[in-house]
């Protein structure tokens, strides 16, 4: 995962550079969110809809975003509802990286 500055789609050159660096996914905040959640001892999960067609480098176009979002809304809700009981069962269980916490 590569974290880039938000507020815009990356250029084709940036996407190619990230791919050469080994990146499969570009996000604008998830890396930071994961790091801060771990330092605070918070279980963190995210559900991300990839919405950048890589400026023509992908197989889809901007006008297909509406259809993609509409079809993923229901799936996203199903994933969230299914995950909630599992998240509730995490209370008190140790996690990988707990020693990295900076708050008691």
PDB file of N, CA and C in Angstrom:
ATOM      1  N   UNK A   1       0.845  -1.167   0.000  1.00  0.00           N
ATOM      2  CA  UNK A   1       0.000   0.000   0.000  1.00  0.00           C
ATOM      3  C   UNK A   1       0.897   1.237   0.000  1.00  0.00           C
ATOM      4  N   UNK A   2       0.550   2.183  -0.822  1.00  0.00           N
ATOM      5  CA  UNK A   2       1.280   3.441  -0.915  1.00  0.00           C
ATOM      6  C   UNK A   2       0.354   4.547  -0.431  1.00  0.00           C
ATOM      7  N   UNK A   3       0.867   5.427   0.410  1.00  0.00           N
ATOM      8  CA  UNK A   3       0.070   6.566   0.854  1.00  0.00           C
ATOM      9  C   UNK A   3       0.540   7.802   0.118  1.00  0.00           C
ATOM     10  N   UNK A   4      -0.399   8.460  -0.566  1.00  0.00           N
ATOM     11  CA  UNK A   4      -0.098   9.678  -1.327  1.00  0.00           C
ATOM     12  C   UNK A   4      -0.936  10.824  -0.764  1.00  0.00           C
ATOM     13  N   UNK A   5      -0.557  12.030  -1.121  1.00  0.00           N
ATOM     14  CA  UNK A   5      -1.314  13.202  -0.684  1.00  0.00           C
ATOM     15  C   UNK A   5      -2.721  13.140  -1.260  1.00  0.00           C
ATOM     16  N   UNK A   6      -3.703  13.449  -0.436  1.00  0.00           N
ATOM     17  CA  UNK A   6      -5.087  13.372  -0.869  1.00  0.00           C
ATOM     18  C   UNK A   6      -5.565  14.607  -1.602  1.00  0.00           C
ATOM     19  N   UNK A   7      -6.826  14.543  -1.989  1.00  0.00           N
ATOM     20  CA  UNK A   7      -7.455  15.677  -2.634  1.00  0.00           C
ATOM     21  C   UNK A   7      -7.383  15.671  -4.147  1.00  0.00           C
ATOM     22  N   UNK A   8      -6.788  14.643  -4.714  1.00  0.00           N
ATOM     23  CA  UNK A   8      -6.703  14.564  -6.172  1.00  0.00           C
ATOM     24  C   UNK A   8      -6.369  13.128  -6.563  1.00  0.00           C
ATOM     25  N   UNK A   9      -6.595  12.809  -7.833  1.00  0.00           N
ATOM     26  CA  UNK A   9      -6.157  11.521  -8.352  1.00  0.00           C
ATOM     27  C   UNK A   9      -4.697  11.635  -8.765  1.00  0.00           C
ATOM     28  N   UNK A  10      -3.966  10.550  -8.643  1.00  0.00           N
ATOM     29  CA  UNK A  10      -2.559  10.542  -9.016  1.00  0.00           C
ATOM     30  C   UNK A  10      -2.431  10.559 -10.540  1.00  0.00           C
ATOM     31  N   UNK A  11      -1.309  11.067 -11.012  1.00  0.00           N
ATOM     32  CA  UNK A  11      -1.051  11.106 -12.449  1.00  0.00           C
ATOM     33  C   UNK A  11      -0.629   9.720 -12.926  1.00  0.00           C
ATOM     34  N   UNK A  12      -0.688   9.466 -14.245  1.00  0.00           N
ATOM     35  CA  UNK A  12      -0.206   8.177 -14.755  1.00  0.00           C
ATOM     36  C   UNK A  12       1.248   7.901 -14.358  1.00  0.00           C
ATOM     37  N   UNK A  13       2.094   8.932 -14.358  1.00  0.00           N
ATOM     38  CA  UNK A  13       3.502   8.741 -13.979  1.00  0.00           C
ATOM     39  C   UNK A  13       3.616   8.326 -12.523  1.00  0.00           C
ATOM     40  N   UNK A  14       2.811   8.925 -11.648  1.00  0.00           N
ATOM     41  CA  UNK A  14       2.840   8.552 -10.233  1.00  0.00           C
ATOM     42  C   UNK A  14       2.376   7.108 -10.043  1.00  0.00           C
ATOM     43  N   UNK A  15       1.326   6.721 -10.732  1.00  0.00           N
ATOM     44  CA  UNK A  15       0.818   5.347 -10.615  1.00  0.00           C
ATOM     45  C   UNK A  15       1.886   4.356 -11.068  1.00  0.00           C
ATOM     46  N   UNK A  16       2.552   4.643 -12.180  1.00  0.00           N
ATOM     47  CA  UNK A  16       3.617   3.749 -12.661  1.00  0.00           C
ATOM     48  C   UNK A  16       4.774   3.684 -11.657  1.00  0.00           C
ATOM     49  N   UNK A  17       5.123   4.829 -11.065  1.00  0.00           N
ATOM     50  CA  UNK A  17       6.197   4.856 -10.076  1.00  0.00           C
ATOM     51  C   UNK A  17       5.821   4.014  -8.847  1.00  0.00           C
ATOM     52  N   UNK A  18       4.591   4.179  -8.367  1.00  0.00           N
ATOM     53  CA  UNK A  18       4.149   3.402  -7.212  1.00  0.00           C
ATOM     54  C   UNK A  18       4.171   1.912  -7.521  1.00  0.00           C
ATOM     55  N   UNK A  19       3.777   1.555  -8.744  1.00  0.00           N
ATOM     56  CA  UNK A  19       3.800   0.151  -9.145  1.00  0.00           C
ATOM     57  C   UNK A  19       5.238  -0.372  -9.158  1.00  0.00           C
ATOM     58  N   UNK A  20       6.171   0.414  -9.660  1.00  0.00           N
ATOM     59  CA  UNK A  20       7.577   0.006  -9.675  1.00  0.00           C
ATOM     60  C   UNK A  20       8.127  -0.149  -8.262  1.00  0.00           C
ATOM     61  N   UNK A  21       7.586   0.612  -7.322  1.00  0.00           N
ATOM     62  CA  UNK A  21       8.001   0.521  -5.926  1.00  0.00           C
ATOM     63  C   UNK A  21       7.372  -0.676  -5.222  1.00  0.00           C
ATOM     64  N   UNK A  22       6.468  -1.375  -5.898  1.00  0.00           N
ATOM     65  CA  UNK A  22       5.816  -2.535  -5.309  1.00  0.00           C
ATOM     66  C   UNK A  22       4.427  -2.265  -4.765  1.00  0.00           C
ATOM     67  N   UNK A  23       3.898  -1.078  -5.002  1.00  0.00           N
ATOM     68  CA  UNK A  23       2.570  -0.728  -4.505  1.00  0.00           C
ATOM     69  C   UNK A  23       1.467  -1.326  -5.356  1.00  0.00           C
ATOM     70  N   UNK A  24       0.456  -1.849  -4.697  1.00  0.00           N
ATOM     71  CA  UNK A  24      -0.729  -2.379  -5.374  1.00  0.00           C
ATOM     72  C   UNK A  24      -1.946  -1.493  -5.161  1.00  0.00           C
ATOM     73  N   UNK A  25      -1.892  -0.661  -4.126  1.00  0.00           N
ATOM     74  CA  UNK A  25      -3.024   0.158  -3.746  1.00  0.00           C
ATOM     75  C   UNK A  25      -2.499   1.508  -3.284  1.00  0.00           C
ATOM     76  N   UNK A  26      -3.160   2.573  -3.724  1.00  0.00           N
ATOM     77  CA  UNK A  26      -2.797   3.923  -3.294  1.00  0.00           C
ATOM     78  C   UNK A  26      -3.926   4.451  -2.419  1.00  0.00           C
ATOM     79  N   UNK A  27      -3.558   4.989  -1.283  1.00  0.00           N
ATOM     80  CA  UNK A  27      -4.538   5.562  -0.364  1.00  0.00           C
ATOM     81  C   UNK A  27      -4.043   6.935   0.077  1.00  0.00           C
ATOM     82  N   UNK A  28      -4.944   7.735   0.619  1.00  0.00           N
ATOM     83  CA  UNK A  28      -4.494   9.046   1.070  1.00  0.00           C
ATOM     84  C   UNK A  28      -4.384   9.141   2.579  1.00  0.00           C
ATOM     85  N   UNK A  29      -4.872   8.133   3.322  1.00  0.00           N
ATOM     86  CA  UNK A  29      -4.798   8.282   4.775  1.00  0.00           C
ATOM     87  C   UNK A  29      -4.708   6.974   5.556  1.00  0.00           C
ATOM     88  N   UNK A  30      -4.958   5.855   4.951  1.00  0.00           N
ATOM     89  CA  UNK A  30      -5.072   4.611   5.708  1.00  0.00           C
ATOM     90  C   UNK A  30      -3.778   4.238   6.430  1.00  0.00           C
ATOM     91  N   UNK A  31      -2.645   4.434   5.803  1.00  0.00           N
ATOM     92  CA  UNK A  31      -1.379   4.115   6.469  1.00  0.00           C
ATOM     93  C   UNK A  31      -1.211   4.869   7.771  1.00  0.00           C
ATOM     94  N   UNK A  32      -1.490   6.152   7.755  1.00  0.00           N
ATOM     95  CA  UNK A  32      -1.406   6.970   8.961  1.00  0.00           C
ATOM     96  C   UNK A  32      -2.440   6.532   9.988  1.00  0.00           C
ATOM     97  N   UNK A  33      -3.657   6.249   9.525  1.00  0.00           N
ATOM     98  CA  UNK A  33      -4.707   5.807  10.444  1.00  0.00           C
ATOM     99  C   UNK A  33      -4.305   4.511  11.147  1.00  0.00           C
ATOM    100  N   UNK A  34      -3.732   3.580  10.404  1.00  0.00           N
ATOM    101  CA  UNK A  34      -3.300   2.308  10.992  1.00  0.00           C
ATOM    102  C   UNK A  34      -2.226   2.551  12.050  1.00  0.00           C
ATOM    103  N   UNK A  35      -1.253   3.384  11.722  1.00  0.00           N
ATOM    104  CA  UNK A  35      -0.155   3.646  12.657  1.00  0.00           C
ATOM    105  C   UNK A  35      -0.664   4.294  13.945  1.00  0.00           C
ATOM    106  N   UNK A  36      -1.505   5.309  13.828  1.00  0.00           N
ATOM    107  CA  UNK A  36      -2.019   5.976  15.029  1.00  0.00           C
ATOM    108  C   UNK A  36      -2.928   5.062  15.840  1.00  0.00           C
ATOM    109  N   UNK A  37      -3.749   4.266  15.170  1.00  0.00           N
ATOM    110  CA  UNK A  37      -4.623   3.336  15.894  1.00  0.00           C
ATOM    111  C   UNK A  37      -3.791   2.341  16.683  1.00  0.00           C
ATOM    112  N   UNK A  38      -2.736   1.820  16.084  1.00  0.00           N
ATOM    113  CA  UNK A  38      -1.884   0.848  16.776  1.00  0.00           C
ATOM    114  C   UNK A  38      -1.206   1.501  17.975  1.00  0.00           C
ATOM    115  N   UNK A  39      -0.698   2.724  17.798  1.00  0.00           N
ATOM    116  CA  UNK A  39      -0.028   3.402  18.914  1.00  0.00           C
ATOM    117  C   UNK A  39      -0.989   3.669  20.061  1.00  0.00           C
ATOM    118  N   UNK A  40      -2.259   3.881  19.749  1.00  0.00           N
ATOM    119  CA  UNK A  40      -3.251   4.151  20.786  1.00  0.00           C
ATOM    120  C   UNK A  40      -3.896   2.874  21.313  1.00  0.00           C
ATOM    121  N   UNK A  41      -3.512   1.719  20.750  1.00  0.00           N
ATOM    122  CA  UNK A  41      -4.075   0.459  21.206  1.00  0.00           C
ATOM    123  C   UNK A  41      -5.488   0.213  20.720  1.00  0.00           C
ATOM    124  N   UNK A  42      -5.845   0.795  19.600  1.00  0.00           N
ATOM    125  CA  UNK A  42      -7.190   0.676  19.053  1.00  0.00           C
ATOM    126  C   UNK A  42      -7.192  -0.370  17.941  1.00  0.00           C
ATOM    127  N   UNK A  43      -8.144  -1.289  17.988  1.00  0.00           N
ATOM    128  CA  UNK A  43      -8.336  -2.191  16.858  1.00  0.00           C
ATOM    129  C   UNK A  43      -8.821  -1.349  15.683  1.00  0.00           C
ATOM    130  N   UNK A  44      -8.255  -1.580  14.525  1.00  0.00           N
ATOM    131  CA  UNK A  44      -8.584  -0.760  13.362  1.00  0.00           C
ATOM    132  C   UNK A  44      -8.853  -1.653  12.167  1.00  0.00           C
ATOM    133  N   UNK A  45      -9.871  -1.320  11.453  1.00  0.00           N
ATOM    134  CA  UNK A  45     -10.183  -2.004  10.211  1.00  0.00           C
ATOM    135  C   UNK A  45     -10.781  -0.978   9.272  1.00  0.00           C
ATOM    136  N   UNK A  46     -10.608  -1.195   7.999  1.00  0.00           N
ATOM    137  CA  UNK A  46     -11.221  -0.278   7.044  1.00  0.00           C
ATOM    138  C   UNK A  46     -11.721  -1.062   5.842  1.00  0.00           C
ATOM    139  N   UNK A  47     -12.715  -0.524   5.224  1.00  0.00           N
ATOM    140  CA  UNK A  47     -13.271  -1.079   4.000  1.00  0.00           C
ATOM    141  C   UNK A  47     -13.114   0.007   2.957  1.00  0.00           C
ATOM    142  N   UNK A  48     -12.337  -0.265   1.950  1.00  0.00           N
ATOM    143  CA  UNK A  48     -11.981   0.751   0.971  1.00  0.00           C
ATOM    144  C   UNK A  48     -12.540   0.379  -0.398  1.00  0.00           C
ATOM    145  N   UNK A  49     -13.169   1.335  -1.020  1.00  0.00           N
ATOM    146  CA  UNK A  49     -13.602   1.170  -2.407  1.00  0.00           C
ATOM    147  C   UNK A  49     -12.590   1.904  -3.269  1.00  0.00           C
ATOM    148  N   UNK A  50     -11.951   1.183  -4.140  1.00  0.00           N
ATOM    149  CA  UNK A  50     -10.958   1.796  -5.010  1.00  0.00           C
ATOM    150  C   UNK A  50     -11.695   2.606  -6.073  1.00  0.00           C
ATOM    151  N   UNK A  51     -11.418   3.898  -6.123  1.00  0.00           N
ATOM    152  CA  UNK A  51     -12.211   4.790  -6.966  1.00  0.00           C
ATOM    153  C   UNK A  51     -11.392   5.557  -7.989  1.00  0.00           C
ATOM    154  N   UNK A  52     -10.144   5.218  -8.162  1.00  0.00           N
ATOM    155  CA  UNK A  52      -9.303   5.914  -9.120  1.00  0.00           C
ATOM    156  C   UNK A  52      -8.964   4.949 -10.247  1.00  0.00           C
ATOM    157  N   UNK A  53      -9.446   5.217 -11.453  1.00  0.00           N
ATOM    158  CA  UNK A  53      -9.147   4.315 -12.560  1.00  0.00           C
ATOM    159  C   UNK A  53      -7.733   4.481 -13.089  1.00  0.00           C
ATOM    160  N   UNK A  54      -6.843   5.017 -12.299  1.00  0.00           N
ATOM    161  CA  UNK A  54      -5.429   5.175 -12.638  1.00  0.00           C
ATOM    162  C   UNK A  54      -5.245   5.985 -13.916  1.00  0.00           C
ATOM    163  N   UNK A  55      -6.063   7.005 -14.044  1.00  0.00           N
ATOM    164  CA  UNK A  55      -5.921   7.953 -15.162  1.00  0.00           C
ATOM    165  C   UNK A  55      -5.747   7.257 -16.503  1.00  0.00           C
ATOM    166  N   UNK A  56      -6.609   6.280 -16.771  1.00  0.00           N
ATOM    167  CA  UNK A  56      -6.553   5.601 -18.053  1.00  0.00           C
ATOM    168  C   UNK A  56      -5.659   4.388 -18.088  1.00  0.00           C
ATOM    169  N   UNK A  57      -4.917   4.113 -17.005  1.00  0.00           N
ATOM    170  CA  UNK A  57      -4.054   2.938 -16.977  1.00  0.00           C
ATOM    171  C   UNK A  57      -4.838   1.680 -16.624  1.00  0.00           C
ATOM    172  N   UNK A  58      -6.034   1.842 -16.024  1.00  0.00           N
ATOM    173  CA  UNK A  58      -6.870   0.700 -15.672  1.00  0.00           C
ATOM    174  C   UNK A  58      -7.827   0.357 -16.798  1.00  0.00           C
ATOM    175  N   UNK A  59      -8.674  -0.641 -16.547  1.00  0.00           N
ATOM    176  CA  UNK A  59      -9.622  -1.113 -17.560  1.00  0.00           C
ATOM    177  C   UNK A  59     -10.962  -0.402 -17.506  1.00  0.00           C
ATOM    178  N   UNK A  60     -11.119   0.613 -16.678  1.00  0.00           N
ATOM    179  CA  UNK A  60     -12.405   1.259 -16.548  1.00  0.00           C
ATOM    180  C   UNK A  60     -12.252   2.770 -16.618  1.00  0.00           C
ATOM    181  N   UNK A  61     -13.362   3.461 -16.733  1.00  0.00           N
ATOM    182  CA  UNK A  61     -13.379   4.911 -16.943  1.00  0.00           C
ATOM    183  C   UNK A  61     -14.135   5.600 -15.803  1.00  0.00           C
ATOM    184  N   UNK A  62     -13.960   6.913 -15.708  1.00  0.00           N
ATOM    185  CA  UNK A  62     -14.606   7.688 -14.650  1.00  0.00           C
ATOM    186  C   UNK A  62     -16.120   7.557 -14.688  1.00  0.00           C
ATOM    187  N   UNK A  63     -16.725   7.469 -15.862  1.00  0.00           N
ATOM    188  CA  UNK A  63     -18.185   7.410 -15.931  1.00  0.00           C
ATOM    189  C   UNK A  63     -18.742   6.099 -15.376  1.00  0.00           C
ATOM    190  N   UNK A  64     -17.901   5.115 -15.133  1.00  0.00           N
ATOM    191  CA  UNK A  64     -18.377   3.858 -14.542  1.00  0.00           C
ATOM    192  C   UNK A  64     -18.394   3.911 -13.016  1.00  0.00           C
ATOM    193  N   UNK A  65     -17.879   4.980 -12.412  1.00  0.00           N
ATOM    194  CA  UNK A  65     -17.834   5.078 -10.948  1.00  0.00           C
ATOM    195  C   UNK A  65     -19.215   5.007 -10.312  1.00  0.00           C
ATOM    196  N   UNK A  66     -20.205   5.657 -10.921  1.00  0.00           N
ATOM    197  CA  UNK A  66     -21.549   5.663 -10.340  1.00  0.00           C
ATOM    198  C   UNK A  66     -22.078   4.240 -10.223  1.00  0.00           C
ATOM    199  N   UNK A  67     -21.964   3.459 -11.287  1.00  0.00           N
ATOM    200  CA  UNK A  67     -22.426   2.066 -11.245  1.00  0.00           C
ATOM    201  C   UNK A  67     -21.647   1.250 -10.214  1.00  0.00           C
ATOM    202  N   UNK A  68     -20.349   1.478 -10.153  1.00  0.00           N
ATOM    203  CA  UNK A  68     -19.525   0.737  -9.204  1.00  0.00           C
ATOM    204  C   UNK A  68     -19.949   1.051  -7.775  1.00  0.00           C
ATOM    205  N   UNK A  69     -20.109   2.334  -7.448  1.00  0.00           N
ATOM    206  CA  UNK A  69     -20.508   2.710  -6.096  1.00  0.00           C
ATOM    207  C   UNK A  69     -21.876   2.140  -5.730  1.00  0.00           C
ATOM    208  N   UNK A  70     -22.823   2.220  -6.662  1.00  0.00           N
ATOM    209  CA  UNK A  70     -24.162   1.705  -6.367  1.00  0.00           C
ATOM    210  C   UNK A  70     -24.128   0.203  -6.110  1.00  0.00           C
ATOM    211  N   UNK A  71     -23.340  -0.526  -6.861  1.00  0.00           N
ATOM    212  CA  UNK A  71     -23.290  -1.975  -6.653  1.00  0.00           C
ATOM    213  C   UNK A  71     -22.529  -2.335  -5.382  1.00  0.00           C
ATOM    214  N   UNK A  72     -21.564  -1.515  -4.972  1.00  0.00           N
ATOM    215  CA  UNK A  72     -20.771  -1.822  -3.783  1.00  0.00           C
ATOM    216  C   UNK A  72     -21.423  -1.377  -2.478  1.00  0.00           C
ATOM    217  N   UNK A  73     -22.405  -0.485  -2.540  1.00  0.00           N
ATOM    218  CA  UNK A  73     -23.062  -0.037  -1.314  1.00  0.00           C
ATOM    219  C   UNK A  73     -23.648  -1.206  -0.536  1.00  0.00           C
ATOM    220  N   UNK A  74     -24.385  -2.085  -1.207  1.00  0.00           N
ATOM    221  CA  UNK A  74     -24.999  -3.223  -0.544  1.00  0.00           C
ATOM    222  C   UNK A  74     -23.943  -4.199  -0.042  1.00  0.00           C
ATOM    223  N   UNK A  75     -22.949  -4.477  -0.866  1.00  0.00           N
ATOM    224  CA  UNK A  75     -21.876  -5.392  -0.472  1.00  0.00           C
ATOM    225  C   UNK A  75     -21.137  -4.837   0.740  1.00  0.00           C
ATOM    226  N   UNK A  76     -20.848  -3.543   0.730  1.00  0.00           N
ATOM    227  CA  UNK A  76     -20.132  -2.921   1.854  1.00  0.00           C
ATOM    228  C   UNK A  76     -20.924  -3.050   3.142  1.00  0.00           C
ATOM    229  N   UNK A  77     -22.218  -2.835   3.079  1.00  0.00           N
ATOM    230  CA  UNK A  77     -23.062  -2.971   4.270  1.00  0.00           C
ATOM    231  C   UNK A  77     -23.056  -4.415   4.761  1.00  0.00           C
ATOM    232  N   UNK A  78     -23.130  -5.382   3.854  1.00  0.00           N
ATOM    233  CA  UNK A  78     -23.087  -6.794   4.244  1.00  0.00           C
ATOM    234  C   UNK A  78     -21.765  -7.131   4.942  1.00  0.00           C
ATOM    235  N   UNK A  79     -20.654  -6.627   4.413  1.00  0.00           N
ATOM    236  CA  UNK A  79     -19.342  -6.878   5.024  1.00  0.00           C
ATOM    237  C   UNK A  79     -19.300  -6.290   6.432  1.00  0.00           C
ATOM    238  N   UNK A  80     -19.773  -5.071   6.573  1.00  0.00           N
ATOM    239  CA  UNK A  80     -19.760  -4.417   7.885  1.00  0.00           C
ATOM    240  C   UNK A  80     -20.612  -5.174   8.895  1.00  0.00           C
ATOM    241  N   UNK A  81     -21.826  -5.521   8.522  1.00  0.00           N
ATOM    242  CA  UNK A  81     -22.723  -6.221   9.442  1.00  0.00           C
ATOM    243  C   UNK A  81     -22.131  -7.577   9.829  1.00  0.00           C
ATOM    244  N   UNK A  82     -21.508  -8.268   8.886  1.00  0.00           N
ATOM    245  CA  UNK A  82     -20.888  -9.562   9.183  1.00  0.00           C
ATOM    246  C   UNK A  82     -19.675  -9.428  10.096  1.00  0.00           C
ATOM    247  N   UNK A  83     -18.966  -8.316   9.989  1.00  0.00           N
ATOM    248  CA  UNK A  83     -17.741  -8.117  10.768  1.00  0.00           C
ATOM    249  C   UNK A  83     -18.017  -7.708  12.213  1.00  0.00           C
ATOM    250  N   UNK A  84     -19.121  -7.068  12.487  1.00  0.00           N
ATOM    251  CA  UNK A  84     -19.381  -6.530  13.827  1.00  0.00           C
ATOM    252  C   UNK A  84     -19.288  -7.571  14.941  1.00  0.00           C
ATOM    253  N   UNK A  85     -19.877  -8.761  14.813  1.00  0.00           N
ATOM    254  CA  UNK A  85     -19.730  -9.740  15.900  1.00  0.00           C
ATOM    255  C   UNK A  85     -18.272 -10.156  16.121  1.00  0.00           C
ATOM    256  N   UNK A  86     -17.501 -10.260  15.054  1.00  0.00           N
ATOM    257  CA  UNK A  86     -16.088 -10.619  15.181  1.00  0.00           C
ATOM    258  C   UNK A  86     -15.305  -9.514  15.886  1.00  0.00           C
ATOM    259  N   UNK A  87     -15.622  -8.286  15.568  1.00  0.00           N
ATOM    260  CA  UNK A  87     -14.964  -7.158  16.218  1.00  0.00           C
ATOM    261  C   UNK A  87     -15.294  -7.143  17.707  1.00  0.00           C
ATOM    262  N   UNK A  88     -16.550  -7.413  18.040  1.00  0.00           N
ATOM    263  CA  UNK A  88     -16.965  -7.432  19.447  1.00  0.00           C
ATOM    264  C   UNK A  88     -16.221  -8.510  20.224  1.00  0.00           C
ATOM    265  N   UNK A  89     -15.865  -9.609  19.576  1.00  0.00           N
ATOM    266  CA  UNK A  89     -15.156 -10.701  20.244  1.00  0.00           C
ATOM    267  C   UNK A  89     -13.675 -10.428  20.457  1.00  0.00           C
ATOM    268  N   UNK A  90     -13.154  -9.321  19.946  1.00  0.00           N
ATOM    269  CA  UNK A  90     -11.740  -8.996  20.103  1.00  0.00           C
ATOM    270  C   UNK A  90     -11.409  -8.405  21.469  1.00  0.00           C
ATOM    271  N   UNK A  91     -12.388  -7.971  22.211  1.00  0.00           N
ATOM    272  CA  UNK A  91     -12.163  -7.306  23.490  1.00  0.00           C
ATOM    273  C   UNK A  91     -11.278  -8.150  24.399  1.00  0.00           C
ATOM    274  N   UNK A  92     -10.169  -7.576  24.828  1.00  0.00           N
ATOM    275  CA  UNK A  92      -9.271  -8.216  25.767  1.00  0.00           C
ATOM    276  C   UNK A  92      -8.257  -9.165  25.159  1.00  0.00           C
ATOM    277  N   UNK A  93      -8.341  -9.436  23.868  1.00  0.00           N
ATOM    278  CA  UNK A  93      -7.380 -10.346  23.236  1.00  0.00           C
ATOM    279  C   UNK A  93      -6.137  -9.566  22.830  1.00  0.00           C
ATOM    280  N   UNK A  94      -4.979 -10.197  22.983  1.00  0.00           N
ATOM    281  CA  UNK A  94      -3.746  -9.525  22.588  1.00  0.00           C
ATOM    282  C   UNK A  94      -3.663  -9.469  21.062  1.00  0.00           C
ATOM    283  N   UNK A  95      -2.944  -8.475  20.587  1.00  0.00           N
ATOM    284  CA  UNK A  95      -2.832  -8.253  19.151  1.00  0.00           C
ATOM    285  C   UNK A  95      -1.373  -8.146  18.761  1.00  0.00           C
ATOM    286  N   UNK A  96      -1.095  -8.467  17.525  1.00  0.00           N
ATOM    287  CA  UNK A  96       0.251  -8.281  17.000  1.00  0.00           C
ATOM    288  C   UNK A  96       0.583  -6.797  17.105  1.00  0.00           C
ATOM    289  N   UNK A  97       1.719  -6.465  17.643  1.00  0.00           N
ATOM    290  CA  UNK A  97       2.153  -5.081  17.735  1.00  0.00           C
ATOM    291  C   UNK A  97       1.699  -4.346  18.973  1.00  0.00           C
ATOM    292  N   UNK A  98       1.040  -5.036  19.928  1.00  0.00           N
ATOM    293  CA  UNK A  98       0.609  -4.337  21.141  1.00  0.00           C
ATOM    294  C   UNK A  98       1.774  -3.687  21.881  1.00  0.00           C
ATOM    295  N   UNK A  99       2.956  -4.245  21.731  1.00  0.00           N
ATOM    296  CA  UNK A  99       4.113  -3.657  22.416  1.00  0.00           C
ATOM    297  C   UNK A  99       4.483  -2.295  21.823  1.00  0.00           C
ATOM    298  N   UNK A 100       3.900  -1.944  20.680  1.00  0.00           N
ATOM    299  CA  UNK A 100       4.191  -0.650  20.062  1.00  0.00           C
ATOM    300  C   UNK A 100       3.324   0.475  20.637  1.00  0.00           C
ATOM    301  N   UNK A 101       2.391   0.126  21.494  1.00  0.00           N
ATOM    302  CA  UNK A 101       1.489   1.139  22.056  1.00  0.00           C
ATOM    303  C   UNK A 101       2.270   2.197  22.814  1.00  0.00           C
ATOM    304  N   UNK A 102       1.856   3.453  22.675  1.00  0.00           N
ATOM    305  CA  UNK A 102       2.506   4.524  23.419  1.00  0.00           C
ATOM    306  C   UNK A 102       1.628   5.021  24.559  1.00  0.00           C
ATOM    307  N   UNK A 103       0.391   4.510  24.636  1.00  0.00           N
ATOM    308  CA  UNK A 103      -0.519   4.898  25.716  1.00  0.00           C
ATOM    309  C   UNK A 103      -0.881   3.651  26.511  1.00  0.00           C
ATOM    310  N   UNK A 104      -0.981   3.767  27.835  1.00  0.00           N
ATOM    311  CA  UNK A 104      -1.334   2.591  28.659  1.00  0.00           C
ATOM    312  C   UNK A 104      -2.754   2.128  28.393  1.00  0.00           C
TER     313      UNK A 104
END
